Amino acid sequence: GFNMAIQSQAALTIGGDGTLDAGTIYSANGTTINGGTLNLAAETVFDGPSTTIKGGNVNVHALLAVTFETLTVTGGRVVLETSDAGVGRYGTILIGEGMAVYDEKGALIENPDFETLQYALIRVPCDHTQATPSYTWTEDPITLTVTVSCTACGETFTGSTEDMDVTTSEDG
């Protein structure tokens, strides 16, 4: 469950490809998250001198605070979710270069104010790993539509012969 707290007097590093459900994460010497899926829900989610998220999926359902010091996000995918009760963030959230912050409707937030923001999705631009494309033909007019999904983020890209010049051949 979410009641378990993770505490460390040394520097704490979390990684791998598993899923961890926890409450407060406290490290006297800072926490680094490198990978995996981390589901967090507690009154205080990140505590200690600093937390750096470099990769993985971090889902924060905080009741009181995301961080008391500095939360630095340089990679991965982070969802900061709050309830209508409101959440105080007593610290600084630093977003790495090239990362984007989105609201609950998926709209890009240009200058996020985490003090007043009720929900934020922070994610690094995906390098897009291509899954096997799917093809669709129509006869009249003759159109080829190609759909490719990213295996990393799930985003779908579609292109068709209507969008490009087509050269026909005897082979079809």
C-alpha atoms as a PDB file:
ATOM      1  CA  GLY A   1       0.000   0.000   0.000  1.00  0.00           C
ATOM      2  CA  PHE A   2       0.862   3.660   0.067  1.00  0.00           C
ATOM      3  CA  ASN A   3       1.545   3.748   3.822  1.00  0.00           C
ATOM      4  CA  MET A   4       5.115   2.485   3.596  1.00  0.00           C
ATOM      5  CA  ALA A   5       7.747   5.167   4.037  1.00  0.00           C
ATOM      6  CA  ILE A   6      11.201   4.800   2.526  1.00  0.00           C
ATOM      7  CA  GLN A   7      13.949   6.262   4.685  1.00  0.00           C
ATOM      8  CA  SER A   8      17.679   6.410   4.197  1.00  0.00           C
ATOM      9  CA  GLN A   9      20.512   8.118   6.058  1.00  0.00           C
ATOM     10  CA  ALA A  10      22.734   7.660   2.980  1.00  0.00           C
ATOM     11  CA  ALA A  11      22.021   8.923  -0.531  1.00  0.00           C
ATOM     12  CA  LEU A  12      18.998   7.041  -1.867  1.00  0.00           C
ATOM     13  CA  THR A  13      18.795   5.796  -5.475  1.00  0.00           C
ATOM     14  CA  ILE A  14      15.665   4.195  -6.939  1.00  0.00           C
ATOM     15  CA  GLY A  15      15.756   2.469 -10.326  1.00  0.00           C
ATOM     16  CA  GLY A  16      14.950  -0.666 -12.265  1.00  0.00           C
ATOM     17  CA  ASP A  17      11.920  -1.643 -14.302  1.00  0.00           C
ATOM     18  CA  GLY A  18       9.491  -2.632 -11.534  1.00  0.00           C
ATOM     19  CA  THR A  19       6.716  -0.756  -9.747  1.00  0.00           C
ATOM     20  CA  LEU A  20       7.010   0.652  -6.230  1.00  0.00           C
ATOM     21  CA  ASP A  21       4.051   1.977  -4.205  1.00  0.00           C
ATOM     22  CA  ALA A  22       5.149   4.102  -1.282  1.00  0.00           C
ATOM     23  CA  GLY A  23       4.340   7.018   0.949  1.00  0.00           C
ATOM     24  CA  THR A  24       7.022   9.466   2.032  1.00  0.00           C
ATOM     25  CA  ILE A  25      10.493   9.186   0.543  1.00  0.00           C
ATOM     26  CA  TYR A  26      13.103  10.600   2.884  1.00  0.00           C
ATOM     27  CA  SER A  27      16.837  10.652   2.428  1.00  0.00           C
ATOM     28  CA  ALA A  28      19.229  12.619   4.606  1.00  0.00           C
ATOM     29  CA  ASN A  29      21.586  12.908   1.615  1.00  0.00           C
ATOM     30  CA  GLY A  30      19.206  13.305  -1.311  1.00  0.00           C
ATOM     31  CA  THR A  31      17.184  10.972  -3.508  1.00  0.00           C
ATOM     32  CA  THR A  32      17.759  10.096  -7.169  1.00  0.00           C
ATOM     33  CA  ILE A  33      15.124   8.279  -9.242  1.00  0.00           C
ATOM     34  CA  ASN A  34      16.537   6.629 -12.376  1.00  0.00           C
ATOM     35  CA  GLY A  35      13.761   4.365 -13.620  1.00  0.00           C
ATOM     36  CA  GLY A  36      10.834   2.104 -12.932  1.00  0.00           C
ATOM     37  CA  THR A  37       7.352   3.202 -11.914  1.00  0.00           C
ATOM     38  CA  LEU A  38       6.954   4.954  -8.591  1.00  0.00           C
ATOM     39  CA  ASN A  39       3.477   5.602  -7.149  1.00  0.00           C
ATOM     40  CA  LEU A  40       3.595   7.991  -4.198  1.00  0.00           C
ATOM     41  CA  ALA A  41       0.858   9.157  -1.858  1.00  0.00           C
ATOM     42  CA  ALA A  42       1.414  10.624   1.591  1.00  0.00           C
ATOM     43  CA  GLU A  43       1.257  13.879   3.514  1.00  0.00           C
ATOM     44  CA  THR A  44       4.832  14.598   2.517  1.00  0.00           C
ATOM     45  CA  VAL A  45       6.014  12.882  -0.625  1.00  0.00           C
ATOM     46  CA  PHE A  46       9.645  13.948  -1.103  1.00  0.00           C
ATOM     47  CA  ASP A  47      11.504  15.009   2.018  1.00  0.00           C
ATOM     48  CA  GLY A  48      15.196  15.639   2.644  1.00  0.00           C
ATOM     49  CA  PRO A  49      17.710  17.964   1.030  1.00  0.00           C
ATOM     50  CA  SER A  50      16.871  17.277  -2.630  1.00  0.00           C
ATOM     51  CA  THR A  51      15.219  14.865  -5.031  1.00  0.00           C
ATOM     52  CA  THR A  52      16.294  14.425  -8.660  1.00  0.00           C
ATOM     53  CA  ILE A  53      14.171  12.508 -11.164  1.00  0.00           C
ATOM     54  CA  LYS A  54      16.281  11.385 -14.127  1.00  0.00           C
ATOM     55  CA  GLY A  55      13.990   8.729 -15.592  1.00  0.00           C
ATOM     56  CA  GLY A  56      11.064   6.405 -15.064  1.00  0.00           C
ATOM     57  CA  ASN A  57       7.425   7.149 -14.334  1.00  0.00           C
ATOM     58  CA  VAL A  58       6.703   8.977 -11.086  1.00  0.00           C
ATOM     59  CA  ASN A  59       3.064   9.464 -10.073  1.00  0.00           C
ATOM     60  CA  VAL A  60       2.579  11.804  -7.116  1.00  0.00           C
ATOM     61  CA  HIS A  61      -0.794  11.958  -5.353  1.00  0.00           C
ATOM     62  CA  ALA A  62       0.248  14.317  -2.570  1.00  0.00           C
ATOM     63  CA  LEU A  63      -1.959  15.389   0.303  1.00  0.00           C
ATOM     64  CA  LEU A  64       0.331  18.038   1.728  1.00  0.00           C
ATOM     65  CA  ALA A  65       3.589  18.683  -0.057  1.00  0.00           C
ATOM     66  CA  VAL A  66       5.615  17.497  -2.992  1.00  0.00           C
ATOM     67  CA  THR A  67       8.922  18.646  -1.572  1.00  0.00           C
ATOM     68  CA  PHE A  68      10.302  20.702   1.256  1.00  0.00           C
ATOM     69  CA  GLU A  69      13.509  21.472  -0.607  1.00  0.00           C
ATOM     70  CA  THR A  70      14.323  21.156  -4.324  1.00  0.00           C
ATOM     71  CA  LEU A  71      12.709  18.699  -6.713  1.00  0.00           C
ATOM     72  CA  THR A  72      14.682  18.595  -9.990  1.00  0.00           C
ATOM     73  CA  VAL A  73      13.179  16.834 -13.001  1.00  0.00           C
ATOM     74  CA  THR A  74      15.590  16.157 -15.872  1.00  0.00           C
ATOM     75  CA  GLY A  75      13.981  13.101 -17.476  1.00  0.00           C
ATOM     76  CA  GLY A  76      11.218  10.561 -17.392  1.00  0.00           C
ATOM     77  CA  ARG A  77       7.549  11.282 -16.898  1.00  0.00           C
ATOM     78  CA  VAL A  78       6.213  12.879 -13.721  1.00  0.00           C
ATOM     79  CA  VAL A  79       2.563  13.379 -12.816  1.00  0.00           C
ATOM     80  CA  LEU A  80       1.940  15.804  -9.942  1.00  0.00           C
ATOM     81  CA  GLU A  81      -1.709  15.424  -8.985  1.00  0.00           C
ATOM     82  CA  THR A  82      -3.562  17.187  -6.223  1.00  0.00           C
ATOM     83  CA  SER A  83      -7.056  17.023  -4.841  1.00  0.00           C
ATOM     84  CA  ASP A  84      -9.491  19.913  -4.414  1.00  0.00           C
ATOM     85  CA  ALA A  85      -8.253  20.174  -0.828  1.00  0.00           C
ATOM     86  CA  GLY A  86      -5.178  21.919  -2.183  1.00  0.00           C
ATOM     87  CA  VAL A  87      -1.525  21.161  -1.805  1.00  0.00           C
ATOM     88  CA  GLY A  88       1.254  23.349  -0.505  1.00  0.00           C
ATOM     89  CA  ARG A  89       4.590  22.896  -2.200  1.00  0.00           C
ATOM     90  CA  TYR A  90       7.218  24.150   0.207  1.00  0.00           C
ATOM     91  CA  GLY A  91      10.194  24.168  -2.042  1.00  0.00           C
ATOM     92  CA  THR A  92      11.387  24.611  -5.587  1.00  0.00           C
ATOM     93  CA  ILE A  93      10.531  22.449  -8.585  1.00  0.00           C
ATOM     94  CA  LEU A  94      13.160  22.769 -11.316  1.00  0.00           C
ATOM     95  CA  ILE A  95      12.322  21.512 -14.807  1.00  0.00           C
ATOM     96  CA  GLY A  96      15.195  20.455 -17.044  1.00  0.00           C
ATOM     97  CA  GLU A  97      15.826  21.868 -20.483  1.00  0.00           C
ATOM     98  CA  GLY A  98      13.599  20.481 -23.213  1.00  0.00           C
ATOM     99  CA  MET A  99      10.987  19.209 -20.774  1.00  0.00           C
ATOM    100  CA  ALA A 100       7.378  20.356 -20.977  1.00  0.00           C
ATOM    101  CA  VAL A 101       4.636  20.809 -18.371  1.00  0.00           C
ATOM    102  CA  TYR A 102       1.018  20.011 -19.258  1.00  0.00           C
ATOM    103  CA  ASP A 103      -2.260  20.611 -17.417  1.00  0.00           C
ATOM    104  CA  GLU A 104      -4.945  17.987 -16.786  1.00  0.00           C
ATOM    105  CA  LYS A 105      -6.442  18.603 -20.243  1.00  0.00           C
ATOM    106  CA  GLY A 106      -3.101  18.028 -21.978  1.00  0.00           C
ATOM    107  CA  ALA A 107      -2.503  21.711 -22.769  1.00  0.00           C
ATOM    108  CA  LEU A 108       1.073  22.965 -22.597  1.00  0.00           C
ATOM    109  CA  ILE A 109       1.771  25.358 -19.718  1.00  0.00           C
ATOM    110  CA  GLU A 110       4.312  27.997 -20.764  1.00  0.00           C
ATOM    111  CA  ASN A 111       5.337  29.288 -17.302  1.00  0.00           C
ATOM    112  CA  PRO A 112       4.066  26.817 -14.711  1.00  0.00           C
ATOM    113  CA  ASP A 113       3.379  28.176 -11.227  1.00  0.00           C
ATOM    114  CA  PHE A 114       3.568  25.101  -9.018  1.00  0.00           C
ATOM    115  CA  GLU A 115       2.232  27.035  -6.012  1.00  0.00           C
ATOM    116  CA  THR A 116      -1.187  27.357  -7.642  1.00  0.00           C
ATOM    117  CA  LEU A 117      -1.148  24.498 -10.158  1.00  0.00           C
ATOM    118  CA  GLN A 118      -3.667  21.792  -9.285  1.00  0.00           C
ATOM    119  CA  TYR A 119      -2.229  19.212 -11.679  1.00  0.00           C
ATOM    120  CA  ALA A 120       0.908  18.940 -13.764  1.00  0.00           C
ATOM    121  CA  LEU A 121       2.363  16.363 -16.112  1.00  0.00           C
ATOM    122  CA  ILE A 122       6.082  16.872 -16.679  1.00  0.00           C
ATOM    123  CA  ARG A 123       7.741  14.876 -19.420  1.00  0.00           C
ATOM    124  CA  VAL A 124      10.928  14.817 -21.398  1.00  0.00           C
ATOM    125  CA  PRO A 125      10.561  14.814 -25.196  1.00  0.00           C
ATOM    126  CA  CYS A 126      10.388  11.205 -26.380  1.00  0.00           C
ATOM    127  CA  ASP A 127      12.935   9.822 -28.861  1.00  0.00           C
ATOM    128  CA  HIS A 128      10.051   7.740 -30.306  1.00  0.00           C
ATOM    129  CA  THR A 129      10.794   4.052 -30.720  1.00  0.00           C
ATOM    130  CA  GLN A 130       8.835   2.880 -33.751  1.00  0.00           C
ATOM    131  CA  ALA A 131       6.505  -0.082 -33.513  1.00  0.00           C
ATOM    132  CA  THR A 132       5.553  -2.085 -36.622  1.00  0.00           C
ATOM    133  CA  PRO A 133       3.546   0.226 -38.920  1.00  0.00           C
ATOM    134  CA  SER A 134       0.031  -0.630 -40.033  1.00  0.00           C
ATOM    135  CA  TYR A 135      -1.139   0.068 -43.608  1.00  0.00           C
ATOM    136  CA  THR A 136      -4.605   0.827 -44.977  1.00  0.00           C
ATOM    137  CA  TRP A 137      -5.518   0.961 -48.707  1.00  0.00           C
ATOM    138  CA  THR A 138      -8.562   2.574 -50.301  1.00  0.00           C
ATOM    139  CA  GLU A 139      -9.432   2.028 -53.963  1.00  0.00           C
ATOM    140  CA  ASP A 140     -11.244   5.198 -55.044  1.00  0.00           C
ATOM    141  CA  PRO A 141      -9.356   7.408 -54.817  1.00  0.00           C
ATOM    142  CA  ILE A 142      -6.313   5.157 -54.408  1.00  0.00           C
ATOM    143  CA  THR A 143      -4.860   6.136 -51.035  1.00  0.00           C
ATOM    144  CA  LEU A 144      -2.321   4.509 -48.762  1.00  0.00           C
ATOM    145  CA  THR A 145      -2.483   5.419 -45.067  1.00  0.00           C
ATOM    146  CA  VAL A 146       0.354   4.442 -42.747  1.00  0.00           C
ATOM    147  CA  THR A 147      -0.010   4.511 -38.959  1.00  0.00           C
ATOM    148  CA  VAL A 148       2.988   4.183 -36.627  1.00  0.00           C
ATOM    149  CA  SER A 149       2.866   4.097 -32.824  1.00  0.00           C
ATOM    150  CA  CYS A 150       5.720   4.833 -30.432  1.00  0.00           C
ATOM    151  CA  THR A 151       6.489   1.901 -28.134  1.00  0.00           C
ATOM    152  CA  ALA A 152       7.881   4.295 -25.500  1.00  0.00           C
ATOM    153  CA  CYS A 153       5.173   6.963 -25.110  1.00  0.00           C
ATOM    154  CA  GLY A 154       2.258   5.536 -27.100  1.00  0.00           C
ATOM    155  CA  GLU A 155       1.883   8.578 -29.357  1.00  0.00           C
ATOM    156  CA  THR A 156       0.488   7.700 -32.805  1.00  0.00           C
ATOM    157  CA  PHE A 157       1.602   9.225 -36.102  1.00  0.00           C
ATOM    158  CA  THR A 158      -0.401   8.916 -39.336  1.00  0.00           C
ATOM    159  CA  GLY A 159       0.560   9.807 -42.902  1.00  0.00           C
ATOM    160  CA  SER A 160      -1.137   9.136 -46.217  1.00  0.00           C
ATOM    161  CA  THR A 161      -0.472   9.481 -49.940  1.00  0.00           C
ATOM    162  CA  GLU A 162      -2.757  12.543 -49.888  1.00  0.00           C
ATOM    163  CA  ASP A 163       0.016  14.304 -47.950  1.00  0.00           C
ATOM    164  CA  MET A 164       2.792  13.525 -50.451  1.00  0.00           C
ATOM    165  CA  ASP A 165       3.611  13.164 -54.128  1.00  0.00           C
ATOM    166  CA  VAL A 166       2.815   9.691 -55.476  1.00  0.00           C
ATOM    167  CA  THR A 167       4.566   7.917 -58.344  1.00  0.00           C
ATOM    168  CA  THR A 168       2.733   4.924 -59.803  1.00  0.00           C
ATOM    169  CA  SER A 169       4.402   1.920 -61.365  1.00  0.00           C
ATOM    170  CA  GLU A 170       3.376  -1.163 -63.359  1.00  0.00           C
ATOM    171  CA  ASP A 171       3.901  -3.282 -60.235  1.00  0.00           C
ATOM    172  CA  GLY A 172       1.243  -1.297 -58.373  1.00  0.00           C
END
